[in-house]
Amino acid sequence: MQPGQIKNALFSLLGWRTDRKIIVIESDDWGSIRMPSKEVYASLKKAGLDLDSGDSYRYNKYDTLANAEDFSVLFDTLLRFKDSRGKSAVLTAVSVVANPDFETIRDSDFLEYHYESIEQTIERYTGGKDAFAMWKTGIEQNVFIPQFHGREHLNVPVWMRALQENNQQAKLAFDQGVWGFNNMHAEGISFQAAFNPSTVSEVEYHKEVIKDGTRLFKKLFDYDASFFVPPNGQLSNSLERTLTDCGIKFTANAKMQFESIGLGRTKRSLHYLGQRSRRGQTYLIRNCFFEPSSEGKNWVESCLKEIEFAFKWKQPAIIGSHRVNYVGGLDIKNRDSGIGQLSDLLSSVTKRWPEIEFMTSAELGEIILGNKELNQ
């Protein structure tokens, strides 16, 4: 085995194990605006904003709100593939529930932050109610199950300070309804990293964001969120009590967590599948990745190898993917390529492992906790 495989095998031995061939697909960023239009992208790029550094190029070039057609193509694909129990493939749609209300923030002269629900955002950006109605359709068809990604994919205190300090790049992007560029703010914190505190005191604000966000989640979807993925992966562990109080039982974490402790500092911790936090939450660890909008790699082949490795070491395959792979509002070829490759992946998986079981993150979490009904 390669050194990386040896390391992964050791983590597998530490973590929860099973003989069942379980596939979970976790797809982040649903509900967030990211890039409103091709015209906005071109305008900001011409103005000199950094839209392309690192992996952000594909998000700023392709990632936007999903329209009704995107959902229709995605759902049709998921419904075509059944597991050993006759269940369709399913996405755990890791979702935010709000976006900034740019007009109201501007009207306050940038002194007050205001947000709108994703239902309002989606209706305004897509010109009707069809796109958000598809969220409910996905839930009904059990192929698209939202879970909690935060209230916004935005670090509100850091962003608002940049606007109040008249940061020219932040203001320029704001005028176009954007915050997800590679910001050069002095605090060194990405505007996208919603729960990365610049000071210890901001953790209290983040607690209120979680409380407010989970309430709005329940209002939008008529059920409580039980699984949480922090935007950009950054989180202070002091938020775990609040997450537990708000009904979050399962949290995504990296094998190596760089916990945000304020002032740009981090604390490293090792994690494994099924590990319990001090507050009783169960960690789910992604061990496979599928990002076909990222160039230079055969993502179907790569993900199949990771799934094979997970099953060899008696672990479920938890696949990390992002909305950017499945939307075509900025470039329809991006959607067709991403969903086409998802179809290829699911076809290969169901043929190679006919005993496969598709499930959501929350369903896997309940099995790890020993829920008898799901274990039957």
Protein backbone atom coordinates (compact mmCIF):
# COMPACT_ATOMS: atom_id res chain seq x y z
CA MET A 1 0.00 0.00 0.00
CA GLN A 2 1.00 3.60 -0.57
CA PRO A 3 1.74 5.76 2.53
CA GLY A 4 -1.61 7.54 2.15
CA GLN A 5 -3.45 4.22 1.98
CA ILE A 6 -1.70 2.97 5.12
CA LYS A 7 -2.82 6.11 6.96
CA ASN A 8 -6.40 5.68 5.71
CA ALA A 9 -6.38 2.02 6.73
CA LEU A 10 -5.35 2.96 10.27
CA PHE A 11 -8.22 5.46 10.47
CA SER A 12 -10.57 2.75 9.18
CA LEU A 13 -9.49 0.39 11.96
CA LEU A 14 -10.23 3.09 14.54
CA GLY A 15 -13.64 3.91 13.14
CA TRP A 16 -17.03 2.21 13.11
CA ARG A 17 -17.05 -0.82 10.81
CA THR A 18 -19.67 -2.93 9.03
CA ASP A 19 -19.95 -5.73 6.48
CA ARG A 20 -22.75 -3.83 4.73
CA LYS A 21 -21.97 -2.02 1.48
CA ILE A 22 -23.35 1.43 2.33
CA ILE A 23 -23.10 4.48 0.05
CA VAL A 24 -23.78 8.01 1.33
CA ILE A 25 -23.48 11.02 -0.99
CA GLU A 26 -23.10 14.34 0.81
CA SER A 27 -23.48 17.36 -1.46
CA ASP A 28 -22.68 20.78 0.01
CA ASP A 29 -23.73 24.38 -0.72
CA TRP A 30 -27.36 24.07 -1.79
CA GLY A 31 -29.28 27.33 -1.30
CA SER A 32 -26.30 29.70 -1.42
CA ILE A 33 -26.12 32.26 -4.25
CA ARG A 34 -22.37 32.10 -5.01
CA MET A 35 -22.28 33.60 -8.57
CA PRO A 36 -25.51 35.28 -9.75
CA SER A 37 -24.77 35.33 -13.51
CA LYS A 38 -22.14 35.06 -16.23
CA GLU A 39 -22.33 38.83 -16.65
CA VAL A 40 -21.49 39.41 -12.98
CA TYR A 41 -18.58 36.97 -13.23
CA ALA A 42 -17.18 38.81 -16.26
CA SER A 43 -17.66 42.22 -14.61
CA LEU A 44 -15.89 41.26 -11.37
CA LYS A 45 -13.09 39.53 -13.22
CA LYS A 46 -12.56 42.63 -15.37
CA ALA A 47 -12.47 44.75 -12.20
CA GLY A 48 -9.56 42.67 -10.93
CA LEU A 49 -11.18 40.58 -8.19
CA ASP A 50 -9.55 37.22 -7.57
CA LEU A 51 -12.10 34.67 -8.72
CA ASP A 52 -9.73 31.95 -9.88
CA SER A 53 -7.10 31.15 -7.24
CA GLY A 54 -6.96 27.55 -6.10
CA ASP A 55 -10.14 25.52 -6.29
CA SER A 56 -12.35 28.61 -6.22
CA TYR A 57 -12.18 29.02 -10.01
CA ARG A 58 -14.81 26.34 -10.61
CA TYR A 59 -17.15 27.66 -7.94
CA ASN A 60 -17.09 31.20 -9.28
CA LYS A 61 -17.30 30.05 -12.89
CA TYR A 62 -20.02 27.40 -12.53
CA ASP A 63 -21.69 27.49 -9.10
CA THR A 64 -25.05 29.21 -8.79
CA LEU A 65 -28.59 28.55 -7.57
CA ALA A 66 -30.11 25.40 -9.03
CA ASN A 67 -33.06 25.96 -11.36
CA ALA A 68 -36.01 23.63 -11.92
CA GLU A 69 -34.39 21.98 -14.94
CA ASP A 70 -31.21 21.24 -12.96
CA PHE A 71 -33.29 19.47 -10.33
CA SER A 72 -35.32 17.57 -12.91
CA VAL A 73 -32.22 16.18 -14.63
CA LEU A 74 -30.57 15.34 -11.29
CA PHE A 75 -33.65 13.64 -9.82
CA ASP A 76 -34.28 11.60 -12.98
CA THR A 77 -30.70 10.33 -12.76
CA LEU A 78 -30.93 9.40 -9.08
CA LEU A 79 -34.27 7.64 -9.58
CA ARG A 80 -32.81 5.39 -12.29
CA PHE A 81 -30.46 3.63 -9.89
CA LYS A 82 -31.80 1.28 -7.20
CA ASP A 83 -30.01 -0.50 -4.40
CA SER A 84 -30.48 -4.04 -3.11
CA ARG A 85 -33.60 -2.92 -1.22
CA GLY A 86 -35.15 -1.12 -4.20
CA LYS A 87 -34.28 2.34 -2.84
CA SER A 88 -33.13 5.04 -5.23
CA ALA A 89 -29.78 6.76 -4.98
CA VAL A 90 -30.10 9.79 -2.70
CA LEU A 91 -28.20 13.02 -2.06
CA THR A 92 -27.87 14.42 1.42
CA ALA A 93 -28.25 18.04 0.29
CA VAL A 94 -26.17 20.00 2.79
CA SER A 95 -27.96 23.36 2.63
CA VAL A 96 -27.93 26.89 3.92
CA VAL A 97 -31.31 28.44 4.63
CA ALA A 98 -30.64 32.15 3.99
CA ASN A 99 -28.64 34.66 1.95
CA PRO A 100 -27.82 38.32 2.60
CA ASP A 101 -30.58 40.83 1.84
CA PHE A 102 -28.33 43.19 -0.09
CA GLU A 103 -30.87 45.98 -0.56
CA THR A 104 -31.80 46.21 3.12
CA ILE A 105 -28.15 46.13 4.18
CA ARG A 106 -27.39 48.98 1.77
CA ASP A 107 -30.42 50.94 3.01
CA SER A 108 -29.01 50.74 6.55
CA ASP A 109 -25.77 52.30 5.26
CA PHE A 110 -24.06 48.99 6.07
CA LEU A 111 -24.73 49.40 9.78
CA GLU A 112 -27.13 46.45 10.07
CA TYR A 113 -27.07 42.93 8.69
CA HIS A 114 -30.27 41.51 7.22
CA TYR A 115 -30.99 38.22 5.48
CA GLU A 116 -33.72 36.60 3.41
CA SER A 117 -34.74 32.94 3.32
CA ILE A 118 -33.54 30.77 0.45
CA GLU A 119 -37.15 30.48 -0.67
CA GLN A 120 -37.22 34.25 -1.24
CA THR A 121 -33.78 34.23 -2.88
CA ILE A 122 -34.59 31.36 -5.23
CA GLU A 123 -37.94 32.83 -6.27
CA ARG A 124 -36.33 36.19 -7.03
CA TYR A 125 -33.32 34.82 -8.90
CA THR A 126 -35.15 32.17 -10.92
CA GLY A 127 -38.28 34.22 -11.59
CA GLY A 128 -40.87 31.96 -10.01
CA LYS A 129 -41.74 29.29 -7.48
CA ASP A 130 -40.85 26.23 -9.60
CA ALA A 131 -37.24 25.86 -8.45
CA PHE A 132 -37.97 25.86 -4.72
CA ALA A 133 -40.95 23.56 -5.30
CA MET A 134 -38.45 21.05 -6.67
CA TRP A 135 -36.77 20.92 -3.25
CA LYS A 136 -40.05 19.58 -1.86
CA THR A 137 -40.35 17.17 -4.79
CA GLY A 138 -36.89 15.81 -4.06
CA ILE A 139 -37.83 15.23 -0.42
CA GLU A 140 -41.06 13.48 -1.44
CA GLN A 141 -39.19 11.24 -3.88
CA ASN A 142 -36.49 10.56 -1.26
CA VAL A 143 -33.67 11.51 -3.61
CA PHE A 144 -32.76 14.97 -2.24
CA ILE A 145 -32.83 15.31 1.54
CA PRO A 146 -31.70 18.69 2.93
CA GLN A 147 -29.55 18.87 6.05
CA PHE A 148 -27.93 21.87 7.77
CA HIS A 149 -24.92 23.77 6.40
CA GLY A 150 -25.49 26.89 8.49
CA ARG A 151 -27.81 29.85 8.13
CA GLU A 152 -25.67 31.44 5.38
CA HIS A 153 -22.46 30.38 3.67
CA LEU A 154 -21.08 33.67 4.98
CA ASN A 155 -19.03 34.93 7.89
CA VAL A 156 -21.35 37.81 8.75
CA PRO A 157 -19.18 39.70 11.31
CA VAL A 158 -16.04 39.64 9.14
CA TRP A 159 -17.94 40.60 5.97
CA MET A 160 -19.86 43.42 7.64
CA ARG A 161 -16.67 44.86 9.11
CA ALA A 162 -15.09 44.86 5.67
CA LEU A 163 -18.10 46.73 4.26
CA GLN A 164 -18.15 49.21 7.14
CA GLU A 165 -14.43 49.83 6.68
CA ASN A 166 -15.15 50.57 3.01
CA ASN A 167 -13.07 47.67 1.74
CA GLN A 168 -13.18 48.40 -1.98
CA GLN A 169 -13.19 44.81 -3.20
CA ALA A 170 -15.89 43.81 -0.73
CA LYS A 171 -18.00 46.81 -1.77
CA LEU A 172 -17.49 46.11 -5.48
CA ALA A 173 -18.58 42.50 -5.04
CA PHE A 174 -21.48 43.57 -2.79
CA ASP A 175 -22.83 45.82 -5.55
CA GLN A 176 -23.07 42.73 -7.76
CA GLY A 177 -24.62 40.51 -5.07
CA VAL A 178 -21.43 38.53 -4.44
CA TRP A 179 -19.19 37.78 -1.45
CA GLY A 180 -17.50 34.50 -2.45
CA PHE A 181 -14.38 35.85 -4.12
CA ASN A 182 -10.89 35.29 -2.71
CA ASN A 183 -11.09 38.20 -0.31
CA MET A 184 -7.97 39.98 0.87
CA HIS A 185 -9.41 41.15 4.19
CA ALA A 186 -6.82 41.98 6.84
CA GLU A 187 -8.18 39.38 9.26
CA GLY A 188 -7.21 36.61 6.84
CA ILE A 189 -10.60 34.90 7.12
CA SER A 190 -12.59 33.87 4.07
CA PHE A 191 -16.02 35.49 3.83
CA GLN A 192 -17.28 31.99 2.96
CA ALA A 193 -16.12 30.48 6.28
CA ALA A 194 -19.30 31.12 8.25
CA PHE A 195 -18.12 29.81 11.63
CA ASN A 196 -14.46 30.85 11.64
CA PRO A 197 -14.25 33.43 14.46
CA SER A 198 -11.82 36.32 14.25
CA THR A 199 -12.24 36.82 18.01
CA VAL A 200 -13.39 34.54 20.79
CA SER A 201 -16.40 36.80 21.40
CA GLU A 202 -17.75 36.08 17.92
CA VAL A 203 -18.49 32.52 18.99
CA GLU A 204 -21.51 33.90 20.88
CA TYR A 205 -22.81 35.42 17.65
CA HIS A 206 -22.28 32.10 15.88
CA LYS A 207 -24.38 30.37 18.54
CA GLU A 208 -27.29 32.67 17.71
CA VAL A 209 -26.79 32.02 13.99
CA ILE A 210 -27.10 28.27 14.60
CA LYS A 211 -30.24 28.71 16.71
CA ASP A 212 -31.82 31.01 14.15
CA GLY A 213 -30.73 28.86 11.21
CA THR A 214 -32.08 25.60 12.59
CA ARG A 215 -35.42 27.29 13.36
CA LEU A 216 -35.60 28.53 9.76
CA PHE A 217 -34.64 25.07 8.50
CA LYS A 218 -37.64 23.58 10.32
CA LYS A 219 -39.91 26.29 8.91
CA LEU A 220 -38.76 25.66 5.33
CA PHE A 221 -38.74 21.85 5.33
CA ASP A 222 -41.15 20.80 8.09
CA TYR A 223 -38.61 18.62 9.90
CA ASP A 224 -35.64 19.20 12.19
CA ALA A 225 -32.09 19.06 10.88
CA SER A 226 -30.02 16.33 12.55
CA PHE A 227 -26.79 16.52 10.51
CA PHE A 228 -24.46 19.50 10.20
CA VAL A 229 -21.53 20.33 7.93
CA PRO A 230 -19.74 23.62 8.76
CA PRO A 231 -19.06 25.80 5.68
CA ASN A 232 -15.42 25.52 4.60
CA GLY A 233 -15.05 22.89 7.33
CA GLN A 234 -14.13 25.44 10.00
CA LEU A 235 -15.80 25.44 13.40
CA SER A 236 -15.10 26.16 17.04
CA ASN A 237 -15.85 23.07 19.14
CA SER A 238 -17.41 25.38 21.73
CA LEU A 239 -20.43 25.49 19.38
CA GLU A 240 -21.15 21.79 19.90
CA ARG A 241 -23.43 22.34 22.91
CA THR A 242 -25.56 24.76 20.88
CA LEU A 243 -25.69 22.30 17.98
CA THR A 244 -26.84 19.55 20.35
CA ASP A 245 -29.47 21.82 21.89
CA CYS A 246 -30.74 22.55 18.37
CA GLY A 247 -31.19 18.86 17.54
CA ILE A 248 -27.95 18.17 15.66
CA LYS A 249 -26.91 14.57 16.38
CA PHE A 250 -24.32 14.09 13.64
CA THR A 251 -21.52 16.37 12.45
CA ALA A 252 -19.20 16.03 9.46
CA ASN A 253 -15.57 16.34 10.35
CA ALA A 254 -12.23 15.84 8.67
CA LYS A 255 -9.80 13.14 9.78
CA MET A 256 -7.56 16.00 10.82
CA GLN A 257 -9.61 18.89 12.17
CA PHE A 258 -8.13 22.37 12.33
CA GLU A 259 -10.43 23.86 14.95
CA SER A 260 -10.90 27.63 14.80
CA ILE A 261 -10.01 29.18 18.16
CA GLY A 262 -9.96 32.85 17.14
CA LEU A 263 -7.40 35.38 15.96
CA GLY A 264 -6.54 33.16 13.00
CA ARG A 265 -5.29 30.37 15.27
CA THR A 266 -6.22 26.70 14.96
CA LYS A 267 -6.01 23.59 17.10
CA ARG A 268 -5.44 20.19 15.50
CA SER A 269 -7.46 17.09 16.45
CA LEU A 270 -7.73 13.59 14.96
CA HIS A 271 -11.17 12.15 14.25
CA TYR A 272 -12.63 8.88 13.00
CA LEU A 273 -16.03 7.58 11.89
CA GLY A 274 -18.43 7.05 14.78
CA GLN A 275 -16.34 8.98 17.30
CA ARG A 276 -18.42 10.86 19.87
CA SER A 277 -17.81 14.46 20.80
CA ARG A 278 -17.85 15.71 24.39
CA ARG A 279 -21.42 16.87 23.76
CA GLY A 280 -22.53 13.49 22.44
CA GLN A 281 -22.53 14.20 18.73
CA THR A 282 -21.38 11.47 16.36
CA TYR A 283 -18.75 12.35 13.76
CA LEU A 284 -19.20 11.24 10.16
CA ILE A 285 -15.96 11.30 8.16
CA ARG A 286 -15.89 11.54 4.36
CA ASN A 287 -13.60 8.96 2.79
CA CYS A 288 -14.48 9.32 -0.92
CA PHE A 289 -14.66 12.39 -3.16
CA PHE A 290 -16.45 13.14 -6.41
CA GLU A 291 -15.90 16.58 -7.92
CA PRO A 292 -16.25 16.25 -11.73
CA SER A 293 -16.30 20.04 -12.24
CA SER A 294 -12.64 20.01 -11.19
CA GLU A 295 -10.42 19.36 -14.19
CA GLY A 296 -7.48 17.04 -14.69
CA LYS A 297 -8.78 13.86 -13.06
CA ASN A 298 -10.96 10.87 -13.91
CA TRP A 299 -13.38 11.34 -11.04
CA VAL A 300 -15.44 8.20 -11.72
CA GLU A 301 -12.36 5.98 -11.64
CA SER A 302 -10.90 7.78 -8.62
CA CYS A 303 -14.10 7.60 -6.60
CA LEU A 304 -14.60 3.91 -7.43
CA LYS A 305 -11.13 3.17 -6.06
CA GLU A 306 -11.96 5.05 -2.86
CA ILE A 307 -15.26 3.17 -2.51
CA GLU A 308 -13.44 -0.13 -3.03
CA PHE A 309 -10.90 0.82 -0.36
CA ALA A 310 -13.67 1.76 2.10
CA PHE A 311 -15.48 -1.54 1.58
CA LYS A 312 -12.24 -3.51 1.88
CA TRP A 313 -11.76 -2.02 5.34
CA LYS A 314 -15.42 -2.57 6.27
CA GLN A 315 -16.41 1.08 6.24
CA PRO A 316 -19.34 2.80 4.54
CA ALA A 317 -18.39 4.92 1.54
CA ILE A 318 -19.20 8.53 2.45
CA ILE A 319 -18.79 10.54 -0.74
CA GLY A 320 -18.15 14.28 -0.57
CA SER A 321 -19.45 16.24 -3.54
CA HIS A 322 -20.67 19.81 -4.12
CA ARG A 323 -23.62 21.48 -5.81
CA VAL A 324 -21.26 23.05 -8.36
CA ASN A 325 -21.05 19.67 -10.12
CA TYR A 326 -24.78 19.52 -10.85
CA VAL A 327 -25.96 23.01 -11.86
CA GLY A 328 -26.10 24.57 -15.31
CA GLY A 329 -27.36 28.10 -14.79
CA LEU A 330 -23.95 29.56 -15.71
CA ASP A 331 -22.88 26.80 -18.10
CA ILE A 332 -25.23 23.98 -19.07
CA LYS A 333 -22.27 21.88 -20.21
CA ASN A 334 -21.06 21.84 -16.61
CA ARG A 335 -24.34 20.32 -15.41
CA ASP A 336 -24.55 17.80 -18.22
CA SER A 337 -20.96 16.69 -17.64
CA GLY A 338 -21.34 16.46 -13.86
CA ILE A 339 -24.64 14.58 -13.84
CA GLY A 340 -23.45 12.41 -16.71
CA GLN A 341 -20.42 11.36 -14.68
CA LEU A 342 -22.62 10.82 -11.61
CA SER A 343 -24.71 8.47 -13.76
CA ASP A 344 -21.56 6.60 -14.79
CA LEU A 345 -20.47 6.33 -11.15
CA LEU A 346 -23.83 5.01 -9.95
CA SER A 347 -24.02 2.56 -12.85
CA SER A 348 -20.59 1.16 -12.00
CA VAL A 349 -21.38 0.97 -8.28
CA THR A 350 -24.67 -0.91 -8.69
CA LYS A 351 -23.14 -3.40 -11.14
CA ARG A 352 -20.00 -4.04 -9.13
CA TRP A 353 -21.68 -4.29 -5.73
CA PRO A 354 -25.29 -5.46 -6.25
CA GLU A 355 -25.72 -5.66 -2.46
CA ILE A 356 -25.22 -1.88 -2.22
CA GLU A 357 -27.40 0.24 0.11
CA PHE A 358 -28.01 3.93 -0.61
CA MET A 359 -28.83 6.08 2.41
CA THR A 360 -28.60 9.59 3.81
CA SER A 361 -26.07 10.85 6.33
CA ALA A 362 -28.70 10.88 9.08
CA GLU A 363 -29.73 7.29 8.30
CA LEU A 364 -26.12 6.15 8.52
CA GLY A 365 -25.73 8.04 11.78
CA GLU A 366 -28.72 6.25 13.27
CA ILE A 367 -27.27 2.89 12.26
CA ILE A 368 -23.98 3.76 13.92
CA LEU A 369 -25.91 4.67 17.07
CA GLY A 370 -27.65 1.29 16.94
CA ASN A 371 -31.11 2.26 15.76
CA LYS A 372 -32.80 -1.18 15.53
CA GLU A 373 -35.32 -0.26 12.85
CA LEU A 374 -32.67 0.92 10.39
CA ASN A 375 -30.45 -2.06 11.20
CA GLN A 376 -33.10 -4.56 10.18
